[in-house]
N, C-alpha and C. Protein backbone atom coordinates (compact mmCIF):
# COMPACT_ATOMS: atom_id res chain seq x y z
N UNK A 1 -70.44 76.43 21.39
CA UNK A 1 -69.88 76.75 22.68
C UNK A 1 -71.03 76.86 23.66
N UNK A 2 -70.99 76.17 24.75
CA UNK A 2 -72.06 76.23 25.72
C UNK A 2 -71.56 76.66 27.07
N UNK A 3 -72.26 77.56 27.70
CA UNK A 3 -71.99 77.91 29.08
C UNK A 3 -73.15 77.33 29.86
N UNK A 4 -72.86 76.39 30.73
CA UNK A 4 -73.90 75.68 31.45
C UNK A 4 -73.67 75.83 32.94
N UNK A 5 -74.60 75.33 33.73
CA UNK A 5 -74.45 75.38 35.18
C UNK A 5 -74.28 73.97 35.72
N UNK A 6 -73.31 73.81 36.61
CA UNK A 6 -73.12 72.56 37.33
C UNK A 6 -73.35 72.88 38.79
N UNK A 7 -74.43 72.36 39.34
CA UNK A 7 -74.78 72.64 40.73
C UNK A 7 -74.85 74.16 40.96
N UNK A 8 -75.41 74.87 39.97
CA UNK A 8 -75.57 76.31 40.10
C UNK A 8 -74.34 77.13 39.78
N UNK A 9 -73.21 76.48 39.51
CA UNK A 9 -71.98 77.19 39.16
C UNK A 9 -71.79 77.10 37.66
N UNK A 10 -71.55 78.23 36.98
CA UNK A 10 -71.38 78.18 35.54
C UNK A 10 -70.12 77.42 35.15
N UNK A 11 -70.23 76.67 34.08
CA UNK A 11 -69.10 75.95 33.50
C UNK A 11 -69.28 76.03 31.99
N UNK A 12 -68.27 75.70 31.23
CA UNK A 12 -68.38 75.82 29.78
C UNK A 12 -67.88 74.56 29.10
N UNK A 13 -68.41 74.33 27.93
CA UNK A 13 -67.95 73.25 27.09
C UNK A 13 -68.03 73.71 25.65
N UNK A 14 -67.22 73.08 24.81
CA UNK A 14 -67.20 73.40 23.39
C UNK A 14 -67.79 72.21 22.65
N UNK A 15 -68.74 72.48 21.77
CA UNK A 15 -69.33 71.43 20.95
C UNK A 15 -68.80 71.63 19.54
N UNK A 16 -68.08 70.61 19.04
CA UNK A 16 -67.49 70.76 17.71
C UNK A 16 -68.52 70.50 16.62
N UNK A 17 -68.10 70.61 15.37
CA UNK A 17 -69.01 70.49 14.23
C UNK A 17 -69.70 69.14 14.17
N UNK A 18 -69.08 68.08 14.70
CA UNK A 18 -69.69 66.75 14.69
C UNK A 18 -70.67 66.55 15.84
N UNK A 19 -70.76 67.54 16.75
CA UNK A 19 -71.67 67.44 17.88
C UNK A 19 -71.03 66.90 19.14
N UNK A 20 -69.73 66.58 19.09
CA UNK A 20 -69.04 66.06 20.27
C UNK A 20 -68.74 67.20 21.24
N UNK A 21 -68.97 66.94 22.53
CA UNK A 21 -68.80 67.95 23.57
C UNK A 21 -67.42 67.80 24.22
N UNK A 22 -66.71 68.94 24.35
CA UNK A 22 -65.39 68.97 24.97
C UNK A 22 -65.43 69.95 26.14
N UNK A 23 -65.35 69.47 27.38
CA UNK A 23 -65.34 70.40 28.52
C UNK A 23 -64.11 71.29 28.49
N UNK A 24 -64.29 72.54 28.89
CA UNK A 24 -63.18 73.48 29.00
C UNK A 24 -62.80 73.58 30.47
N UNK A 25 -61.53 73.50 30.77
CA UNK A 25 -61.05 73.49 32.14
C UNK A 25 -60.86 74.91 32.67
N UNK A 26 -61.19 75.12 33.94
CA UNK A 26 -61.06 76.41 34.57
C UNK A 26 -60.43 76.26 35.94
N UNK A 27 -59.79 77.31 36.39
CA UNK A 27 -59.24 77.36 37.73
C UNK A 27 -59.97 78.46 38.47
N UNK A 28 -60.91 78.08 39.29
CA UNK A 28 -61.70 79.03 40.06
C UNK A 28 -62.02 78.38 41.40
N UNK A 29 -61.91 79.11 42.50
CA UNK A 29 -62.14 78.51 43.82
C UNK A 29 -63.48 77.79 43.93
N UNK A 30 -64.53 78.36 43.35
CA UNK A 30 -65.84 77.71 43.44
C UNK A 30 -65.88 76.42 42.65
N UNK A 31 -65.16 76.36 41.52
CA UNK A 31 -65.11 75.14 40.74
C UNK A 31 -64.30 74.08 41.48
N UNK A 32 -63.15 74.49 42.07
CA UNK A 32 -62.32 73.53 42.79
C UNK A 32 -63.07 72.98 44.00
N UNK A 33 -63.83 73.81 44.66
CA UNK A 33 -64.57 73.37 45.84
C UNK A 33 -65.76 72.52 45.45
N UNK A 34 -66.20 72.65 44.18
CA UNK A 34 -67.32 71.84 43.72
C UNK A 34 -68.66 72.33 44.26
N UNK A 35 -68.70 73.56 44.76
CA UNK A 35 -69.96 74.10 45.27
C UNK A 35 -69.96 75.61 45.14
N UNK A 36 -71.11 76.20 45.34
CA UNK A 36 -71.25 77.65 45.25
C UNK A 36 -70.78 78.29 46.54
N UNK A 37 -70.21 79.47 46.42
CA UNK A 37 -69.84 80.21 47.63
C UNK A 37 -71.10 80.79 48.26
N UNK A 38 -71.05 81.03 49.53
CA UNK A 38 -72.25 81.48 50.25
C UNK A 38 -72.50 82.98 50.12
N UNK A 39 -71.48 83.79 50.05
CA UNK A 39 -71.68 85.24 50.08
C UNK A 39 -71.72 85.87 48.71
N UNK A 40 -72.55 86.87 48.54
CA UNK A 40 -72.60 87.65 47.31
C UNK A 40 -72.91 86.85 46.08
N UNK A 41 -73.88 85.97 46.15
CA UNK A 41 -74.18 85.05 45.06
C UNK A 41 -74.41 85.73 43.72
N UNK A 42 -75.28 86.73 43.67
CA UNK A 42 -75.65 87.33 42.39
C UNK A 42 -74.45 87.96 41.71
N UNK A 43 -73.68 88.78 42.42
CA UNK A 43 -72.52 89.42 41.83
C UNK A 43 -71.44 88.42 41.43
N UNK A 44 -71.17 87.46 42.31
CA UNK A 44 -70.16 86.45 42.02
C UNK A 44 -70.59 85.57 40.85
N UNK A 45 -71.86 85.28 40.78
CA UNK A 45 -72.43 84.45 39.72
C UNK A 45 -72.19 85.11 38.36
N UNK A 46 -72.55 86.39 38.23
CA UNK A 46 -72.37 87.12 36.97
C UNK A 46 -70.90 87.31 36.66
N UNK A 47 -70.09 87.61 37.67
CA UNK A 47 -68.66 87.82 37.46
C UNK A 47 -68.00 86.55 36.94
N UNK A 48 -68.38 85.39 37.50
CA UNK A 48 -67.77 84.16 37.02
C UNK A 48 -68.26 83.81 35.62
N UNK A 49 -69.51 84.10 35.32
CA UNK A 49 -70.03 83.91 33.96
C UNK A 49 -69.19 84.71 32.98
N UNK A 50 -68.92 85.98 33.31
CA UNK A 50 -68.12 86.84 32.43
C UNK A 50 -66.67 86.34 32.33
N UNK A 51 -66.16 85.74 33.41
CA UNK A 51 -64.83 85.12 33.37
C UNK A 51 -64.82 84.01 32.33
N UNK A 52 -65.86 83.20 32.30
CA UNK A 52 -65.95 82.13 31.30
C UNK A 52 -66.07 82.69 29.89
N UNK A 53 -66.86 83.76 29.75
CA UNK A 53 -67.00 84.40 28.44
C UNK A 53 -65.63 84.90 27.97
N UNK A 54 -64.90 85.58 28.84
CA UNK A 54 -63.57 86.08 28.49
C UNK A 54 -62.64 84.93 28.08
N UNK A 55 -62.68 83.86 28.85
CA UNK A 55 -61.84 82.69 28.56
C UNK A 55 -62.14 82.14 27.17
N UNK A 56 -63.41 82.07 26.84
CA UNK A 56 -63.83 81.45 25.58
C UNK A 56 -63.67 82.37 24.38
N UNK A 57 -63.67 83.68 24.59
CA UNK A 57 -63.58 84.59 23.44
C UNK A 57 -62.15 85.04 23.17
N UNK A 58 -61.27 84.99 24.14
CA UNK A 58 -59.88 85.43 23.91
C UNK A 58 -59.17 84.58 22.86
N UNK A 59 -59.24 83.25 22.95
CA UNK A 59 -58.55 82.46 21.92
C UNK A 59 -59.37 82.33 20.63
N UNK A 60 -60.42 83.12 20.51
CA UNK A 60 -61.28 83.09 19.33
C UNK A 60 -61.86 81.71 19.06
N UNK A 61 -62.31 81.05 20.11
CA UNK A 61 -63.02 79.79 19.94
C UNK A 61 -64.34 80.13 19.26
N UNK A 62 -64.62 79.57 18.09
CA UNK A 62 -65.87 79.91 17.40
C UNK A 62 -67.06 79.24 18.08
N UNK A 63 -68.22 79.79 17.85
CA UNK A 63 -69.42 79.13 18.34
C UNK A 63 -70.40 80.07 18.99
N UNK A 64 -71.54 79.51 19.32
CA UNK A 64 -72.65 80.22 19.93
C UNK A 64 -72.68 79.90 21.41
N UNK A 65 -72.92 80.90 22.23
CA UNK A 65 -73.10 80.68 23.65
C UNK A 65 -74.54 80.24 23.90
N UNK A 66 -74.70 79.14 24.60
CA UNK A 66 -76.01 78.60 24.94
C UNK A 66 -76.00 78.37 26.45
N UNK A 67 -77.00 78.91 27.14
CA UNK A 67 -77.01 78.80 28.58
C UNK A 67 -78.43 78.88 29.11
N UNK A 68 -78.57 78.64 30.41
CA UNK A 68 -79.91 78.62 31.00
C UNK A 68 -80.28 79.99 31.57
N UNK A 69 -81.46 80.06 32.15
CA UNK A 69 -82.04 81.33 32.58
C UNK A 69 -81.34 81.98 33.77
N UNK A 70 -80.37 81.34 34.36
CA UNK A 70 -79.65 81.96 35.48
C UNK A 70 -78.73 83.09 35.03
N UNK A 71 -78.47 83.17 33.72
CA UNK A 71 -77.49 84.12 33.20
C UNK A 71 -78.09 85.14 32.24
N UNK A 72 -79.39 85.40 32.35
CA UNK A 72 -80.05 86.29 31.39
C UNK A 72 -80.14 87.73 31.87
N UNK A 73 -79.38 88.09 32.87
CA UNK A 73 -79.34 89.48 33.33
C UNK A 73 -78.55 90.31 32.31
N UNK A 74 -78.85 91.60 32.27
CA UNK A 74 -78.19 92.50 31.32
C UNK A 74 -76.68 92.48 31.49
N UNK A 75 -76.17 92.34 32.73
CA UNK A 75 -74.72 92.34 32.93
C UNK A 75 -74.04 91.11 32.33
N UNK A 76 -74.81 90.09 31.96
CA UNK A 76 -74.26 88.93 31.26
C UNK A 76 -74.49 89.03 29.75
N UNK A 77 -75.69 89.45 29.34
CA UNK A 77 -76.03 89.45 27.91
C UNK A 77 -75.39 90.60 27.14
N UNK A 78 -75.32 91.78 27.72
CA UNK A 78 -74.73 92.92 27.01
C UNK A 78 -73.27 92.68 26.62
N UNK A 79 -72.41 92.17 27.53
CA UNK A 79 -71.02 91.92 27.13
C UNK A 79 -70.90 90.88 25.99
N UNK A 80 -71.75 89.87 25.99
CA UNK A 80 -71.73 88.90 24.90
C UNK A 80 -72.04 89.58 23.57
N UNK A 81 -73.10 90.36 23.57
CA UNK A 81 -73.50 91.06 22.35
C UNK A 81 -72.43 92.07 21.93
N UNK A 82 -71.86 92.79 22.89
CA UNK A 82 -70.81 93.77 22.58
C UNK A 82 -69.58 93.10 21.97
N UNK A 83 -69.33 91.84 22.32
CA UNK A 83 -68.19 91.10 21.76
C UNK A 83 -68.57 90.45 20.42
N UNK A 84 -69.77 90.76 19.94
CA UNK A 84 -70.27 90.23 18.67
C UNK A 84 -70.33 88.71 18.67
N UNK A 85 -70.78 88.16 19.81
CA UNK A 85 -70.95 86.71 19.94
C UNK A 85 -72.42 86.38 19.97
N UNK A 86 -72.80 85.33 19.25
CA UNK A 86 -74.18 84.87 19.23
C UNK A 86 -74.50 84.19 20.55
N UNK A 87 -75.76 84.33 20.97
CA UNK A 87 -76.21 83.58 22.14
C UNK A 87 -77.67 83.19 21.98
N UNK A 88 -78.04 82.13 22.67
CA UNK A 88 -79.43 81.68 22.77
C UNK A 88 -79.60 81.11 24.17
N UNK A 89 -80.71 81.46 24.83
CA UNK A 89 -80.94 80.98 26.19
C UNK A 89 -82.43 80.99 26.49
N UNK A 90 -82.80 80.25 27.52
CA UNK A 90 -84.20 80.29 27.95
C UNK A 90 -84.35 81.38 29.01
N UNK A 91 -85.56 81.85 29.18
CA UNK A 91 -85.84 82.87 30.19
C UNK A 91 -86.95 82.38 31.11
N UNK A 92 -86.93 82.87 32.33
CA UNK A 92 -87.98 82.55 33.28
C UNK A 92 -89.27 83.26 32.86
N UNK A 93 -90.39 82.69 33.24
CA UNK A 93 -91.68 83.26 32.85
C UNK A 93 -91.95 84.61 33.51
N UNK A 94 -91.22 84.94 34.58
CA UNK A 94 -91.43 86.23 35.22
C UNK A 94 -90.45 87.30 34.71
N UNK A 95 -89.62 86.96 33.72
CA UNK A 95 -88.66 87.92 33.15
C UNK A 95 -89.41 89.06 32.49
N UNK A 96 -88.99 90.28 32.73
CA UNK A 96 -89.67 91.47 32.20
C UNK A 96 -89.24 91.71 30.74
N UNK A 97 -90.24 91.81 29.86
CA UNK A 97 -90.02 92.01 28.43
C UNK A 97 -90.92 93.14 27.96
N UNK A 98 -90.42 93.97 27.05
CA UNK A 98 -91.25 95.02 26.46
C UNK A 98 -92.01 94.39 25.30
N UNK A 99 -93.32 94.41 25.41
CA UNK A 99 -94.17 93.76 24.41
C UNK A 99 -95.29 94.71 24.01
N UNK A 100 -95.38 95.03 22.75
CA UNK A 100 -96.39 95.97 22.25
C UNK A 100 -96.39 97.27 23.06
N UNK A 101 -95.19 97.74 23.37
CA UNK A 101 -95.04 99.01 24.09
C UNK A 101 -95.26 98.94 25.58
N UNK A 102 -95.52 97.76 26.12
CA UNK A 102 -95.75 97.59 27.56
C UNK A 102 -94.68 96.69 28.17
N UNK A 103 -94.28 97.02 29.39
CA UNK A 103 -93.37 96.18 30.16
C UNK A 103 -94.22 95.13 30.87
N UNK A 104 -93.95 93.84 30.59
CA UNK A 104 -94.74 92.76 31.21
C UNK A 104 -93.88 91.52 31.41
N UNK A 105 -94.39 90.61 32.21
CA UNK A 105 -93.70 89.34 32.44
C UNK A 105 -93.76 88.50 31.16
N UNK A 106 -92.72 87.72 30.91
CA UNK A 106 -92.67 86.89 29.71
C UNK A 106 -93.85 85.92 29.65
N UNK A 107 -94.25 85.36 30.79
CA UNK A 107 -95.41 84.46 30.82
C UNK A 107 -96.70 85.17 30.45
N UNK A 108 -96.84 86.40 30.90
CA UNK A 108 -98.02 87.21 30.55
C UNK A 108 -98.01 87.51 29.05
N UNK A 109 -96.84 87.83 28.53
CA UNK A 109 -96.69 88.08 27.10
C UNK A 109 -97.10 86.85 26.30
N UNK A 110 -96.61 85.68 26.71
CA UNK A 110 -96.93 84.43 26.00
C UNK A 110 -98.43 84.15 26.02
N UNK A 111 -99.07 84.40 27.15
CA UNK A 111 -100.52 84.16 27.26
C UNK A 111 -101.32 85.09 26.37
N UNK A 112 -100.74 86.23 26.00
CA UNK A 112 -101.46 87.19 25.16
C UNK A 112 -101.39 86.87 23.67
N UNK A 113 -100.60 85.87 23.29
CA UNK A 113 -100.45 85.52 21.87
C UNK A 113 -101.68 84.73 21.43
N UNK A 114 -102.41 85.22 20.43
CA UNK A 114 -103.61 84.50 19.96
C UNK A 114 -103.27 83.11 19.42
N UNK A 115 -104.16 82.16 19.65
CA UNK A 115 -103.93 80.78 19.21
C UNK A 115 -103.68 80.72 17.70
N UNK A 116 -104.38 81.53 16.94
CA UNK A 116 -104.28 81.49 15.48
C UNK A 116 -102.93 81.92 14.93
N UNK A 117 -102.13 82.61 15.71
CA UNK A 117 -100.81 83.05 15.22
C UNK A 117 -99.70 82.07 15.59
N UNK A 118 -100.01 81.05 16.34
CA UNK A 118 -99.02 80.05 16.73
C UNK A 118 -98.81 79.06 15.59
N UNK A 119 -97.55 78.73 15.32
CA UNK A 119 -97.21 77.85 14.20
C UNK A 119 -96.68 76.53 14.72
N UNK A 120 -96.91 75.48 13.95
CA UNK A 120 -96.47 74.14 14.31
C UNK A 120 -95.00 73.96 13.95
N UNK A 121 -94.25 73.33 14.85
CA UNK A 121 -92.86 72.98 14.59
C UNK A 121 -92.60 71.61 15.21
N UNK A 122 -91.78 70.80 14.54
CA UNK A 122 -91.40 69.51 15.10
C UNK A 122 -89.94 69.58 15.51
N UNK A 123 -89.68 69.33 16.79
CA UNK A 123 -88.34 69.38 17.35
C UNK A 123 -88.04 68.04 18.01
N UNK A 124 -87.04 67.35 17.53
CA UNK A 124 -86.65 66.04 18.07
C UNK A 124 -87.82 65.08 18.13
N UNK A 125 -88.66 65.08 17.10
CA UNK A 125 -89.80 64.17 17.04
C UNK A 125 -91.02 64.61 17.82
N UNK A 126 -90.93 65.72 18.54
CA UNK A 126 -92.06 66.24 19.32
C UNK A 126 -92.68 67.42 18.58
N UNK A 127 -94.01 67.40 18.46
CA UNK A 127 -94.72 68.51 17.85
C UNK A 127 -95.05 69.54 18.92
N UNK A 128 -94.68 70.78 18.64
CA UNK A 128 -94.98 71.88 19.54
C UNK A 128 -95.44 73.07 18.70
N UNK A 129 -95.97 74.05 19.39
CA UNK A 129 -96.44 75.27 18.73
C UNK A 129 -95.55 76.41 19.16
N UNK A 130 -95.28 77.34 18.24
CA UNK A 130 -94.37 78.43 18.56
C UNK A 130 -94.86 79.75 17.98
N UNK A 131 -94.30 80.81 18.53
CA UNK A 131 -94.46 82.16 18.02
C UNK A 131 -93.14 82.85 18.27
N UNK A 132 -92.66 83.65 17.31
CA UNK A 132 -91.41 84.38 17.53
C UNK A 132 -91.53 85.80 16.99
N UNK A 133 -90.80 86.68 17.64
CA UNK A 133 -90.81 88.09 17.24
C UNK A 133 -89.64 88.80 17.92
N UNK A 134 -89.16 89.85 17.28
CA UNK A 134 -88.09 90.67 17.87
C UNK A 134 -88.71 91.69 18.82
N UNK A 135 -88.02 91.92 19.93
CA UNK A 135 -88.50 92.89 20.92
C UNK A 135 -87.32 93.35 21.78
N UNK A 136 -87.62 94.10 22.81
CA UNK A 136 -86.60 94.60 23.73
C UNK A 136 -86.83 94.04 25.13
N UNK A 137 -85.73 93.92 25.86
CA UNK A 137 -85.77 93.57 27.27
C UNK A 137 -85.11 94.74 27.99
N UNK A 138 -85.75 95.22 29.04
CA UNK A 138 -85.21 96.35 29.78
C UNK A 138 -83.79 96.06 30.25
N UNK A 139 -82.90 97.02 30.07
CA UNK A 139 -81.52 96.89 30.49
C UNK A 139 -80.58 96.39 29.40
N UNK A 140 -81.12 95.77 28.35
CA UNK A 140 -80.27 95.30 27.26
C UNK A 140 -80.01 96.43 26.28
N UNK A 141 -78.81 96.46 25.72
CA UNK A 141 -78.47 97.49 24.75
C UNK A 141 -78.71 97.03 23.31
N UNK A 142 -79.49 95.97 23.16
CA UNK A 142 -79.78 95.42 21.84
C UNK A 142 -81.15 94.73 21.86
N UNK A 143 -81.72 94.55 20.67
CA UNK A 143 -82.96 93.80 20.54
C UNK A 143 -82.67 92.31 20.64
N UNK A 144 -83.69 91.55 20.99
CA UNK A 144 -83.60 90.09 21.01
C UNK A 144 -84.76 89.50 20.24
N UNK A 145 -84.57 88.29 19.77
CA UNK A 145 -85.68 87.54 19.18
C UNK A 145 -86.22 86.62 20.26
N UNK A 146 -87.51 86.71 20.50
CA UNK A 146 -88.17 85.87 21.50
C UNK A 146 -88.84 84.72 20.75
N UNK A 147 -88.62 83.50 21.22
CA UNK A 147 -89.27 82.32 20.67
C UNK A 147 -90.03 81.65 21.80
N UNK A 148 -91.34 81.56 21.66
CA UNK A 148 -92.21 81.00 22.70
C UNK A 148 -92.70 79.64 22.23
N UNK A 149 -92.63 78.64 23.09
CA UNK A 149 -93.11 77.29 22.77
C UNK A 149 -94.28 76.91 23.67
N UNK A 150 -95.29 76.27 23.08
CA UNK A 150 -96.41 75.68 23.80
C UNK A 150 -96.48 74.21 23.42
N UNK A 151 -96.90 73.37 24.35
CA UNK A 151 -97.08 71.95 24.04
C UNK A 151 -98.28 71.72 23.14
N UNK A 152 -99.30 72.54 23.30
CA UNK A 152 -100.51 72.43 22.49
C UNK A 152 -100.88 73.84 22.00
N UNK A 153 -101.45 73.91 20.84
CA UNK A 153 -101.80 75.22 20.26
C UNK A 153 -102.71 76.04 21.17
N UNK A 154 -103.57 75.39 21.93
CA UNK A 154 -104.56 76.10 22.76
C UNK A 154 -104.15 76.21 24.23
N UNK A 155 -102.90 75.86 24.55
CA UNK A 155 -102.43 76.01 25.93
C UNK A 155 -102.43 77.49 26.33
N UNK A 156 -102.85 77.76 27.55
CA UNK A 156 -102.85 79.14 28.05
C UNK A 156 -101.44 79.60 28.40
N UNK A 157 -100.64 78.71 28.96
CA UNK A 157 -99.29 79.11 29.36
C UNK A 157 -98.23 78.41 28.51
N UNK A 158 -97.13 79.10 28.30
CA UNK A 158 -96.03 78.58 27.48
C UNK A 158 -95.28 77.48 28.23
N UNK A 159 -94.72 76.55 27.49
CA UNK A 159 -93.89 75.52 28.11
C UNK A 159 -92.45 76.01 28.26
N UNK A 160 -92.00 76.90 27.36
CA UNK A 160 -90.63 77.42 27.40
C UNK A 160 -90.58 78.71 26.58
N UNK A 161 -89.72 79.63 27.02
CA UNK A 161 -89.49 80.87 26.28
C UNK A 161 -87.98 81.04 26.13
N UNK A 162 -87.54 81.29 24.91
CA UNK A 162 -86.13 81.46 24.59
C UNK A 162 -85.90 82.85 24.02
N UNK A 163 -84.66 83.33 24.16
CA UNK A 163 -84.27 84.57 23.50
C UNK A 163 -82.93 84.36 22.81
N UNK A 164 -82.67 85.17 21.79
CA UNK A 164 -81.40 85.17 21.09
C UNK A 164 -81.11 86.57 20.60
N UNK A 165 -79.84 86.91 20.51
CA UNK A 165 -79.47 88.21 19.95
C UNK A 165 -79.39 88.14 18.42
N UNK A 166 -79.65 87.00 17.85
CA UNK A 166 -79.65 86.85 16.40
C UNK A 166 -81.09 86.96 15.88
N UNK A 167 -81.43 88.13 15.39
CA UNK A 167 -82.82 88.43 15.00
C UNK A 167 -83.27 87.67 13.76
N UNK A 168 -82.34 87.19 12.95
CA UNK A 168 -82.71 86.49 11.72
C UNK A 168 -82.77 84.97 11.87
N UNK A 169 -82.46 84.43 13.05
CA UNK A 169 -82.48 82.99 13.24
C UNK A 169 -83.90 82.45 13.24
N UNK A 170 -84.05 81.25 12.66
CA UNK A 170 -85.32 80.53 12.71
C UNK A 170 -85.48 79.90 14.09
N UNK A 171 -86.72 79.59 14.45
CA UNK A 171 -87.01 79.06 15.78
C UNK A 171 -86.25 77.76 16.05
N UNK A 172 -86.08 76.92 15.05
CA UNK A 172 -85.34 75.65 15.24
C UNK A 172 -83.91 75.90 15.70
N UNK A 173 -83.29 76.94 15.20
CA UNK A 173 -81.90 77.22 15.57
C UNK A 173 -81.82 77.79 16.99
N UNK A 174 -82.81 78.54 17.40
CA UNK A 174 -82.81 79.14 18.74
C UNK A 174 -83.04 78.09 19.81
N UNK A 175 -84.00 77.20 19.59
CA UNK A 175 -84.36 76.24 20.64
C UNK A 175 -83.68 74.89 20.47
N UNK A 176 -83.08 74.65 19.30
CA UNK A 176 -82.49 73.35 19.00
C UNK A 176 -81.22 73.13 19.68
């Protein structure tokens, strides 16, 4: 199950076991208009995301929620976790994460990871380096697993940072 953004407006699709994507239909003024509303973007954005979550969880559609960094606020992630639904998403490099007892930006956290602890992984034929660990994000009522990717083992900055509420997942499942 994926919650994605179309022109900044969240939309959802279901990916079945064979990998085929099936869009889920919604009736929402912003979707019908095909654009984002001008007023109250942040609140409306999160509220519509939760509307999609409710739509997808009521009929017990199985699957994992996968979405981009526009929906990683606590008001989006906590309800997913409270409904016992798996999720995986990327986070912006300026997202605040508790790391080794300190509150810091995700990009700063990634830069602090020693080169020697980064492991090689091949994803879709591309070799990248990763590090993963469970930690907390301020405002969340649960721990998350952070998976950091670098294009090269010695890169100073990460190419992508992902989080998941599934602490036992391998990095391939989180970023794949």
